[in-house]
Amino acid sequence: MNLFLMIFISFILFFPYPTFSEVYKWVDEKGVIHFSDDPNSIPEKYRSKIEKMGLPYEEGRKEELKEKKKDNYKDQLGRGEEYWKSRVEEWKNRMKLAQDRLEELRQKYNELTEKYNESRSTGQRNILRQQRDQVKIEMDQVKAQLEEAKFMLEKKIPEEAELYKAKPEWIK
């Protein structure tokens, strides 16, 4: 029994064991970087400037776990966050382009209407009316594209995401 106790005590005394403490970093006025695990060993004038550092293994492990957790989840068809976000972004871009184009066409339509109202020539009025009607047709097409983009963003994509069990924050 005594032999076992002596071996156990010597094992505890002579073999290192891991300690979990914080490491402190500071820079002196010469620009030399110092590290210490004892805050009392840091000179008084540098204590306000110390930077606490965690253990590198733990910090790396936390980042690794976050990445794994983030990348692991997929919808029922195996598509991840990137797929859904790119799909939403594509439709947002389409909607923005349609809005910009519609504004351009409205301005053109208004200009043609002003020219039509100012014109005294029957021939010129007919040409302006045809141009204006053509712009109106194009405006209707762009409005349809705009409505389709709104429908996709507000209804279709959220319904698909729910159906395939994608995370709701992926489509916002």
N, C-alpha and C. Protein backbone atom coordinates (compact mmCIF):
# COMPACT_ATOMS: atom_id res chain seq x y z
N MET A 1 0.82 -1.19 0.00
CA MET A 1 0.00 0.00 0.00
C MET A 1 0.87 1.26 0.00
N ASN A 2 1.92 1.26 0.83
CA ASN A 2 2.82 2.41 0.89
C ASN A 2 3.52 2.62 -0.44
N LEU A 3 3.88 1.53 -1.09
CA LEU A 3 4.55 1.62 -2.38
C LEU A 3 3.62 2.26 -3.40
N PHE A 4 2.38 1.84 -3.40
CA PHE A 4 1.39 2.41 -4.32
C PHE A 4 1.21 3.90 -4.06
N LEU A 5 1.14 4.29 -2.81
CA LEU A 5 0.97 5.69 -2.44
C LEU A 5 2.18 6.52 -2.87
N MET A 6 3.37 5.98 -2.71
CA MET A 6 4.59 6.70 -3.10
C MET A 6 4.65 6.86 -4.62
N ILE A 7 4.27 5.84 -5.36
CA ILE A 7 4.27 5.93 -6.82
C ILE A 7 3.24 6.96 -7.27
N PHE A 8 2.11 6.93 -6.65
CA PHE A 8 1.05 7.89 -7.01
C PHE A 8 1.48 9.33 -6.74
N ILE A 9 2.09 9.58 -5.60
CA ILE A 9 2.54 10.93 -5.24
C ILE A 9 3.65 11.38 -6.17
N SER A 10 4.60 10.49 -6.46
CA SER A 10 5.68 10.88 -7.37
C SER A 10 5.15 11.13 -8.78
N PHE A 11 4.16 10.38 -9.17
CA PHE A 11 3.54 10.59 -10.49
C PHE A 11 2.92 11.98 -10.56
N ILE A 12 2.22 12.37 -9.54
CA ILE A 12 1.58 13.69 -9.50
C ILE A 12 2.62 14.81 -9.47
N LEU A 13 3.69 14.62 -8.73
CA LEU A 13 4.69 15.67 -8.59
C LEU A 13 5.58 15.84 -9.82
N PHE A 14 5.94 14.75 -10.47
CA PHE A 14 6.95 14.84 -11.52
C PHE A 14 6.41 14.85 -12.94
N PHE A 15 5.19 14.49 -13.15
CA PHE A 15 4.64 14.51 -14.51
C PHE A 15 3.79 15.76 -14.69
N PRO A 16 4.04 16.44 -15.80
CA PRO A 16 3.27 17.68 -16.01
C PRO A 16 1.81 17.37 -16.34
N TYR A 17 0.99 18.25 -15.97
CA TYR A 17 -0.42 18.13 -16.29
C TYR A 17 -0.86 19.43 -16.96
N PRO A 18 -1.85 19.33 -17.81
CA PRO A 18 -2.26 20.54 -18.54
C PRO A 18 -2.94 21.54 -17.61
N THR A 19 -2.59 22.79 -17.80
CA THR A 19 -3.26 23.85 -17.05
C THR A 19 -3.99 24.73 -18.04
N PHE A 20 -5.09 25.21 -17.64
CA PHE A 20 -5.90 26.05 -18.50
C PHE A 20 -5.93 27.45 -17.91
N SER A 21 -5.06 28.29 -18.40
CA SER A 21 -5.02 29.65 -17.92
C SER A 21 -4.98 30.59 -19.11
N GLU A 22 -5.19 31.84 -18.83
CA GLU A 22 -5.15 32.83 -19.89
C GLU A 22 -3.74 33.32 -20.10
N VAL A 23 -3.47 33.69 -21.33
CA VAL A 23 -2.17 34.25 -21.67
C VAL A 23 -2.38 35.73 -21.92
N TYR A 24 -1.48 36.55 -21.40
CA TYR A 24 -1.58 37.99 -21.56
C TYR A 24 -0.47 38.47 -22.49
N LYS A 25 -0.80 39.43 -23.31
CA LYS A 25 0.16 39.96 -24.28
C LYS A 25 0.23 41.47 -24.09
N TRP A 26 1.44 42.02 -24.14
CA TRP A 26 1.59 43.47 -24.09
C TRP A 26 2.84 43.86 -24.87
N VAL A 27 2.88 45.12 -25.26
CA VAL A 27 4.00 45.65 -26.03
C VAL A 27 4.64 46.78 -25.23
N ASP A 28 5.95 46.72 -25.06
CA ASP A 28 6.63 47.79 -24.32
C ASP A 28 6.93 48.97 -25.24
N GLU A 29 7.56 50.02 -24.67
CA GLU A 29 7.78 51.23 -25.46
C GLU A 29 8.79 51.04 -26.58
N LYS A 30 9.57 49.97 -26.53
CA LYS A 30 10.53 49.68 -27.61
C LYS A 30 9.87 48.89 -28.75
N GLY A 31 8.64 48.48 -28.54
CA GLY A 31 7.93 47.72 -29.56
C GLY A 31 8.10 46.22 -29.42
N VAL A 32 8.70 45.77 -28.33
CA VAL A 32 8.91 44.35 -28.09
C VAL A 32 7.61 43.75 -27.54
N ILE A 33 7.20 42.63 -28.11
CA ILE A 33 5.97 41.96 -27.67
C ILE A 33 6.34 40.96 -26.58
N HIS A 34 5.59 41.00 -25.47
CA HIS A 34 5.81 40.11 -24.34
C HIS A 34 4.55 39.29 -24.09
N PHE A 35 4.76 38.07 -23.57
CA PHE A 35 3.65 37.19 -23.21
C PHE A 35 3.87 36.71 -21.78
N SER A 36 2.77 36.53 -21.06
CA SER A 36 2.86 36.02 -19.70
C SER A 36 1.53 35.37 -19.33
N ASP A 37 1.62 34.37 -18.46
CA ASP A 37 0.38 33.77 -17.96
C ASP A 37 0.07 34.27 -16.55
N ASP A 38 0.92 35.13 -16.03
CA ASP A 38 0.73 35.69 -14.70
C ASP A 38 0.54 37.21 -14.81
N PRO A 39 -0.66 37.71 -14.55
CA PRO A 39 -0.88 39.15 -14.68
C PRO A 39 -0.05 39.98 -13.70
N ASN A 40 0.40 39.38 -12.60
CA ASN A 40 1.22 40.12 -11.62
C ASN A 40 2.63 40.37 -12.14
N SER A 41 3.07 39.58 -13.12
CA SER A 41 4.42 39.77 -13.65
C SER A 41 4.48 40.87 -14.71
N ILE A 42 3.32 41.41 -15.08
CA ILE A 42 3.27 42.49 -16.07
C ILE A 42 3.55 43.81 -15.36
N PRO A 43 4.49 44.61 -15.86
CA PRO A 43 4.77 45.91 -15.23
C PRO A 43 3.52 46.79 -15.16
N GLU A 44 3.42 47.57 -14.10
CA GLU A 44 2.24 48.42 -13.85
C GLU A 44 1.86 49.29 -15.04
N LYS A 45 2.85 49.90 -15.67
CA LYS A 45 2.53 50.86 -16.73
C LYS A 45 1.97 50.20 -17.99
N TYR A 46 2.07 48.88 -18.11
CA TYR A 46 1.54 48.19 -19.29
C TYR A 46 0.24 47.44 -19.01
N ARG A 47 -0.18 47.40 -17.76
CA ARG A 47 -1.37 46.62 -17.41
C ARG A 47 -2.64 47.13 -18.08
N SER A 48 -2.70 48.41 -18.34
CA SER A 48 -3.91 48.94 -18.99
C SER A 48 -3.94 48.59 -20.48
N LYS A 49 -2.79 48.18 -21.01
CA LYS A 49 -2.69 47.89 -22.45
C LYS A 49 -2.60 46.39 -22.74
N ILE A 50 -2.83 45.55 -21.75
CA ILE A 50 -2.69 44.11 -21.99
C ILE A 50 -3.84 43.59 -22.84
N GLU A 51 -3.55 42.54 -23.55
CA GLU A 51 -4.56 41.88 -24.38
C GLU A 51 -4.67 40.44 -23.90
N LYS A 52 -5.87 40.03 -23.51
CA LYS A 52 -6.07 38.65 -23.06
C LYS A 52 -6.19 37.76 -24.28
N MET A 53 -5.51 36.65 -24.22
CA MET A 53 -5.54 35.71 -25.34
C MET A 53 -6.00 34.37 -24.79
N GLY A 54 -6.91 33.72 -25.50
CA GLY A 54 -7.33 32.39 -25.11
C GLY A 54 -6.32 31.38 -25.61
N LEU A 55 -6.57 30.14 -25.31
CA LEU A 55 -5.68 29.11 -25.81
C LEU A 55 -5.92 28.94 -27.30
N PRO A 56 -4.87 28.87 -28.09
CA PRO A 56 -5.04 28.78 -29.55
C PRO A 56 -5.85 27.56 -29.97
N TYR A 57 -5.67 26.46 -29.28
CA TYR A 57 -6.40 25.25 -29.63
C TYR A 57 -7.90 25.46 -29.48
N GLU A 58 -8.30 26.07 -28.36
CA GLU A 58 -9.72 26.28 -28.10
C GLU A 58 -10.33 27.25 -29.11
N GLU A 59 -9.63 28.33 -29.43
CA GLU A 59 -10.16 29.30 -30.38
C GLU A 59 -10.32 28.67 -31.76
N GLY A 60 -9.31 27.93 -32.19
CA GLY A 60 -9.38 27.26 -33.49
C GLY A 60 -10.50 26.23 -33.51
N ARG A 61 -10.67 25.54 -32.42
CA ARG A 61 -11.72 24.52 -32.33
C ARG A 61 -13.10 25.16 -32.39
N LYS A 62 -13.28 26.30 -31.73
CA LYS A 62 -14.57 26.99 -31.76
C LYS A 62 -14.92 27.41 -33.17
N GLU A 63 -13.94 27.97 -33.90
CA GLU A 63 -14.19 28.39 -35.28
C GLU A 63 -14.52 27.19 -36.15
N GLU A 64 -13.80 26.11 -35.93
CA GLU A 64 -14.03 24.89 -36.71
C GLU A 64 -15.44 24.35 -36.46
N LEU A 65 -15.87 24.37 -35.22
CA LEU A 65 -17.21 23.89 -34.89
C LEU A 65 -18.28 24.78 -35.50
N LYS A 66 -18.05 26.10 -35.49
CA LYS A 66 -19.02 27.02 -36.10
C LYS A 66 -19.14 26.75 -37.59
N GLU A 67 -18.01 26.55 -38.25
CA GLU A 67 -18.03 26.28 -39.69
C GLU A 67 -18.75 24.97 -39.98
N LYS A 68 -18.46 23.94 -39.19
CA LYS A 68 -19.12 22.66 -39.40
C LYS A 68 -20.62 22.79 -39.20
N LYS A 69 -21.00 23.47 -38.13
CA LYS A 69 -22.41 23.64 -37.82
C LYS A 69 -23.11 24.42 -38.93
N LYS A 70 -22.44 25.44 -39.43
CA LYS A 70 -23.00 26.29 -40.47
C LYS A 70 -23.16 25.51 -41.78
N ASP A 71 -22.15 24.73 -42.13
CA ASP A 71 -22.14 24.04 -43.42
C ASP A 71 -22.93 22.74 -43.43
N ASN A 72 -23.21 22.18 -42.28
CA ASN A 72 -23.83 20.86 -42.25
C ASN A 72 -25.27 20.84 -42.73
N TYR A 73 -26.07 21.81 -42.36
CA TYR A 73 -27.49 21.72 -42.64
C TYR A 73 -27.78 21.97 -44.11
N LYS A 74 -28.57 21.09 -44.68
CA LYS A 74 -29.02 21.20 -46.07
C LYS A 74 -30.53 20.96 -46.09
N ASP A 75 -31.19 21.43 -47.14
CA ASP A 75 -32.61 21.16 -47.26
C ASP A 75 -32.81 19.70 -47.70
N GLN A 76 -34.04 19.29 -47.95
CA GLN A 76 -34.32 17.90 -48.27
C GLN A 76 -33.71 17.46 -49.60
N LEU A 77 -33.41 18.39 -50.47
CA LEU A 77 -32.80 18.05 -51.75
C LEU A 77 -31.28 18.23 -51.71
N GLY A 78 -30.73 18.50 -50.53
CA GLY A 78 -29.29 18.63 -50.38
C GLY A 78 -28.73 20.00 -50.72
N ARG A 79 -29.59 20.99 -50.84
CA ARG A 79 -29.14 22.34 -51.17
C ARG A 79 -28.96 23.13 -49.89
N GLY A 80 -27.90 23.92 -49.85
CA GLY A 80 -27.58 24.67 -48.64
C GLY A 80 -27.93 26.13 -48.74
N GLU A 81 -27.39 26.87 -47.80
CA GLU A 81 -27.67 28.30 -47.67
C GLU A 81 -27.29 29.07 -48.94
N GLU A 82 -26.17 28.70 -49.54
CA GLU A 82 -25.69 29.42 -50.72
C GLU A 82 -26.70 29.35 -51.87
N TYR A 83 -27.30 28.18 -52.08
CA TYR A 83 -28.28 28.03 -53.15
C TYR A 83 -29.46 28.97 -52.94
N TRP A 84 -30.01 28.96 -51.73
CA TRP A 84 -31.21 29.76 -51.46
C TRP A 84 -30.91 31.25 -51.51
N LYS A 85 -29.78 31.65 -50.97
CA LYS A 85 -29.43 33.08 -51.00
C LYS A 85 -29.18 33.55 -52.42
N SER A 86 -28.54 32.72 -53.24
CA SER A 86 -28.30 33.14 -54.63
C SER A 86 -29.61 33.21 -55.40
N ARG A 87 -30.54 32.33 -55.10
CA ARG A 87 -31.84 32.35 -55.77
C ARG A 87 -32.60 33.63 -55.43
N VAL A 88 -32.61 33.99 -54.17
CA VAL A 88 -33.28 35.23 -53.74
C VAL A 88 -32.59 36.43 -54.37
N GLU A 89 -31.27 36.43 -54.36
CA GLU A 89 -30.51 37.54 -54.93
C GLU A 89 -30.80 37.70 -56.42
N GLU A 90 -30.91 36.59 -57.13
CA GLU A 90 -31.22 36.64 -58.56
C GLU A 90 -32.56 37.33 -58.80
N TRP A 91 -33.58 36.97 -58.02
CA TRP A 91 -34.90 37.57 -58.21
C TRP A 91 -34.94 39.02 -57.75
N LYS A 92 -34.17 39.35 -56.74
CA LYS A 92 -34.08 40.76 -56.33
C LYS A 92 -33.46 41.60 -57.44
N ASN A 93 -32.43 41.05 -58.08
CA ASN A 93 -31.80 41.76 -59.20
C ASN A 93 -32.77 41.93 -60.36
N ARG A 94 -33.53 40.87 -60.65
CA ARG A 94 -34.53 40.97 -61.72
C ARG A 94 -35.56 42.05 -61.41
N MET A 95 -36.00 42.09 -60.15
CA MET A 95 -36.99 43.08 -59.76
C MET A 95 -36.41 44.50 -59.88
N LYS A 96 -35.18 44.69 -59.46
CA LYS A 96 -34.54 46.00 -59.55
C LYS A 96 -34.41 46.44 -61.01
N LEU A 97 -33.99 45.53 -61.88
CA LEU A 97 -33.87 45.85 -63.30
C LEU A 97 -35.23 46.23 -63.90
N ALA A 98 -36.26 45.48 -63.52
CA ALA A 98 -37.60 45.77 -64.02
C ALA A 98 -38.09 47.13 -63.53
N GLN A 99 -37.83 47.45 -62.27
CA GLN A 99 -38.23 48.76 -61.73
C GLN A 99 -37.52 49.90 -62.46
N ASP A 100 -36.22 49.72 -62.69
CA ASP A 100 -35.46 50.75 -63.40
C ASP A 100 -35.97 50.92 -64.83
N ARG A 101 -36.20 49.80 -65.50
CA ARG A 101 -36.68 49.85 -66.89
C ARG A 101 -38.07 50.48 -66.95
N LEU A 102 -38.93 50.15 -66.01
CA LEU A 102 -40.28 50.72 -65.98
C LEU A 102 -40.22 52.24 -65.80
N GLU A 103 -39.33 52.71 -64.97
CA GLU A 103 -39.18 54.16 -64.77
C GLU A 103 -38.72 54.84 -66.05
N GLU A 104 -37.76 54.22 -66.75
CA GLU A 104 -37.30 54.77 -68.03
C GLU A 104 -38.45 54.85 -69.04
N LEU A 105 -39.24 53.77 -69.10
CA LEU A 105 -40.35 53.73 -70.05
C LEU A 105 -41.43 54.76 -69.70
N ARG A 106 -41.67 54.97 -68.42
CA ARG A 106 -42.66 55.99 -68.01
C ARG A 106 -42.22 57.38 -68.46
N GLN A 107 -40.94 57.66 -68.28
CA GLN A 107 -40.43 58.96 -68.71
C GLN A 107 -40.56 59.11 -70.23
N LYS A 108 -40.23 58.06 -70.95
CA LYS A 108 -40.34 58.10 -72.41
C LYS A 108 -41.79 58.28 -72.83
N TYR A 109 -42.70 57.57 -72.16
CA TYR A 109 -44.13 57.66 -72.46
C TYR A 109 -44.63 59.09 -72.22
N ASN A 110 -44.22 59.68 -71.10
CA ASN A 110 -44.63 61.06 -70.78
C ASN A 110 -44.09 62.05 -71.81
N GLU A 111 -42.84 61.86 -72.23
CA GLU A 111 -42.26 62.74 -73.25
C GLU A 111 -43.03 62.64 -74.57
N LEU A 112 -43.35 61.40 -74.96
CA LEU A 112 -44.11 61.21 -76.21
C LEU A 112 -45.50 61.82 -76.11
N THR A 113 -46.11 61.72 -74.93
CA THR A 113 -47.44 62.31 -74.73
C THR A 113 -47.37 63.84 -74.86
N GLU A 114 -46.35 64.44 -74.27
CA GLU A 114 -46.18 65.90 -74.39
C GLU A 114 -45.98 66.31 -75.85
N LYS A 115 -45.13 65.58 -76.55
CA LYS A 115 -44.90 65.88 -77.97
C LYS A 115 -46.18 65.71 -78.78
N TYR A 116 -46.95 64.68 -78.46
CA TYR A 116 -48.21 64.42 -79.15
C TYR A 116 -49.17 65.58 -78.93
N ASN A 117 -49.27 66.04 -77.68
CA ASN A 117 -50.19 67.14 -77.36
C ASN A 117 -49.75 68.47 -78.00
N GLU A 118 -48.45 68.65 -78.16
CA GLU A 118 -47.94 69.89 -78.74
C GLU A 118 -47.98 69.89 -80.27
N SER A 119 -48.05 68.71 -80.85
CA SER A 119 -47.96 68.60 -82.31
C SER A 119 -49.26 69.07 -82.98
N ARG A 120 -49.10 69.75 -84.13
CA ARG A 120 -50.25 70.22 -84.91
C ARG A 120 -50.43 69.36 -86.16
N SER A 121 -49.39 68.64 -86.52
CA SER A 121 -49.42 67.84 -87.75
C SER A 121 -50.09 66.49 -87.49
N THR A 122 -51.04 66.13 -88.34
CA THR A 122 -51.74 64.86 -88.20
C THR A 122 -50.79 63.69 -88.42
N GLY A 123 -49.92 63.79 -89.39
CA GLY A 123 -48.96 62.72 -89.68
C GLY A 123 -48.01 62.48 -88.51
N GLN A 124 -47.51 63.58 -87.96
CA GLN A 124 -46.59 63.46 -86.83
C GLN A 124 -47.33 62.92 -85.60
N ARG A 125 -48.57 63.31 -85.43
CA ARG A 125 -49.36 62.81 -84.29
C ARG A 125 -49.57 61.31 -84.40
N ASN A 126 -49.82 60.82 -85.63
CA ASN A 126 -49.99 59.37 -85.83
C ASN A 126 -48.71 58.61 -85.48
N ILE A 127 -47.56 59.15 -85.92
CA ILE A 127 -46.27 58.50 -85.60
C ILE A 127 -46.03 58.51 -84.09
N LEU A 128 -46.29 59.64 -83.45
CA LEU A 128 -46.10 59.74 -82.00
C LEU A 128 -47.04 58.81 -81.24
N ARG A 129 -48.30 58.69 -81.73
CA ARG A 129 -49.25 57.79 -81.09
C ARG A 129 -48.78 56.35 -81.21
N GLN A 130 -48.27 55.95 -82.39
CA GLN A 130 -47.76 54.59 -82.57
C GLN A 130 -46.57 54.32 -81.65
N GLN A 131 -45.67 55.29 -81.56
CA GLN A 131 -44.51 55.13 -80.67
C GLN A 131 -44.96 55.03 -79.21
N ARG A 132 -45.92 55.86 -78.87
CA ARG A 132 -46.43 55.84 -77.50
C ARG A 132 -47.12 54.52 -77.18
N ASP A 133 -47.89 54.01 -78.15
CA ASP A 133 -48.56 52.72 -77.96
C ASP A 133 -47.53 51.59 -77.82
N GLN A 134 -46.45 51.67 -78.58
CA GLN A 134 -45.39 50.67 -78.49
C GLN A 134 -44.72 50.71 -77.11
N VAL A 135 -44.49 51.91 -76.61
CA VAL A 135 -43.91 52.07 -75.27
C VAL A 135 -44.88 51.53 -74.22
N LYS A 136 -46.17 51.76 -74.42
CA LYS A 136 -47.18 51.26 -73.48
C LYS A 136 -47.17 49.73 -73.44
N ILE A 137 -47.04 49.09 -74.60
CA ILE A 137 -46.98 47.63 -74.66
C ILE A 137 -45.75 47.13 -73.91
N GLU A 138 -44.62 47.79 -74.13
CA GLU A 138 -43.39 47.40 -73.44
C GLU A 138 -43.51 47.63 -71.93
N MET A 139 -44.19 48.71 -71.53
CA MET A 139 -44.42 48.96 -70.10
C MET A 139 -45.23 47.84 -69.48
N ASP A 140 -46.26 47.37 -70.20
CA ASP A 140 -47.08 46.28 -69.69
C ASP A 140 -46.26 45.00 -69.52
N GLN A 141 -45.35 44.74 -70.46
CA GLN A 141 -44.48 43.56 -70.36
C GLN A 141 -43.55 43.67 -69.15
N VAL A 142 -42.99 44.84 -68.95
CA VAL A 142 -42.08 45.05 -67.82
C VAL A 142 -42.85 44.96 -66.50
N LYS A 143 -44.09 45.47 -66.48
CA LYS A 143 -44.92 45.35 -65.27
C LYS A 143 -45.17 43.88 -64.95
N ALA A 144 -45.39 43.07 -65.98
CA ALA A 144 -45.60 41.63 -65.76
C ALA A 144 -44.33 40.99 -65.18
N GLN A 145 -43.16 41.40 -65.68
CA GLN A 145 -41.90 40.88 -65.15
C GLN A 145 -41.72 41.30 -63.69
N LEU A 146 -42.10 42.52 -63.39
CA LEU A 146 -42.00 43.03 -62.03
C LEU A 146 -42.92 42.25 -61.09
N GLU A 147 -44.14 42.00 -61.54
CA GLU A 147 -45.09 41.22 -60.74
C GLU A 147 -44.58 39.79 -60.52
N GLU A 148 -43.98 39.21 -61.56
CA GLU A 148 -43.43 37.85 -61.43
C GLU A 148 -42.32 37.83 -60.38
N ALA A 149 -41.44 38.83 -60.41
CA ALA A 149 -40.35 38.90 -59.44
C ALA A 149 -40.90 39.06 -58.02
N LYS A 150 -41.90 39.92 -57.84
CA LYS A 150 -42.52 40.08 -56.52
C LYS A 150 -43.15 38.78 -56.05
N PHE A 151 -43.85 38.10 -56.96
CA PHE A 151 -44.49 36.83 -56.62
C PHE A 151 -43.44 35.80 -56.18
N MET A 152 -42.35 35.73 -56.91
CA MET A 152 -41.30 34.76 -56.57
C MET A 152 -40.70 35.07 -55.20
N LEU A 153 -40.44 36.33 -54.93
CA LEU A 153 -39.81 36.71 -53.66
C LEU A 153 -40.75 36.60 -52.47
N GLU A 154 -42.02 36.93 -52.68
CA GLU A 154 -42.96 36.98 -51.56
C GLU A 154 -43.70 35.66 -51.34
N LYS A 155 -43.92 34.89 -52.40
CA LYS A 155 -44.74 33.68 -52.27
C LYS A 155 -43.98 32.41 -52.63
N LYS A 156 -43.54 32.32 -53.87
CA LYS A 156 -43.02 31.07 -54.42
C LYS A 156 -41.78 30.56 -53.69
N ILE A 157 -40.76 31.39 -53.57
CA ILE A 157 -39.52 30.95 -52.92
C ILE A 157 -39.75 30.61 -51.44
N PRO A 158 -40.49 31.43 -50.67
CA PRO A 158 -40.76 31.03 -49.28
C PRO A 158 -41.54 29.72 -49.18
N GLU A 159 -42.50 29.49 -50.09
CA GLU A 159 -43.25 28.23 -50.06
C GLU A 159 -42.33 27.05 -50.37
N GLU A 160 -41.47 27.20 -51.36
CA GLU A 160 -40.53 26.13 -51.70
C GLU A 160 -39.57 25.87 -50.54
N ALA A 161 -39.09 26.93 -49.92
CA ALA A 161 -38.17 26.78 -48.79
C ALA A 161 -38.85 26.02 -47.65
N GLU A 162 -40.09 26.34 -47.40
CA GLU A 162 -40.84 25.64 -46.35
C GLU A 162 -41.06 24.18 -46.73
N LEU A 163 -41.41 23.95 -47.98
CA LEU A 163 -41.67 22.59 -48.47
C LEU A 163 -40.42 21.71 -48.35
N TYR A 164 -39.27 22.26 -48.71
CA TYR A 164 -38.03 21.48 -48.70
C TYR A 164 -37.24 21.63 -47.41
N LYS A 165 -37.84 22.25 -46.40
CA LYS A 165 -37.26 22.39 -45.06
C LYS A 165 -35.94 23.17 -45.06
N ALA A 166 -35.89 24.23 -45.85
CA ALA A 166 -34.74 25.13 -45.82
C ALA A 166 -34.93 26.09 -44.65
N LYS A 167 -33.85 26.59 -44.12
CA LYS A 167 -33.95 27.52 -43.00
C LYS A 167 -34.56 28.83 -43.48
N PRO A 168 -35.51 29.39 -42.74
CA PRO A 168 -36.16 30.64 -43.14
C PRO A 168 -35.21 31.82 -43.30
N GLU A 169 -34.15 31.86 -42.49
CA GLU A 169 -33.23 33.00 -42.60
C GLU A 169 -32.42 32.98 -43.90
N TRP A 170 -32.39 31.86 -44.59
CA TRP A 170 -31.67 31.77 -45.86
C TRP A 170 -32.35 32.59 -46.96
N ILE A 171 -33.64 32.83 -46.83
CA ILE A 171 -34.36 33.51 -47.91
C ILE A 171 -34.70 34.95 -47.56
N LYS A 172 -34.08 35.49 -46.55
CA LYS A 172 -34.38 36.87 -46.17
C LYS A 172 -33.31 37.79 -46.67
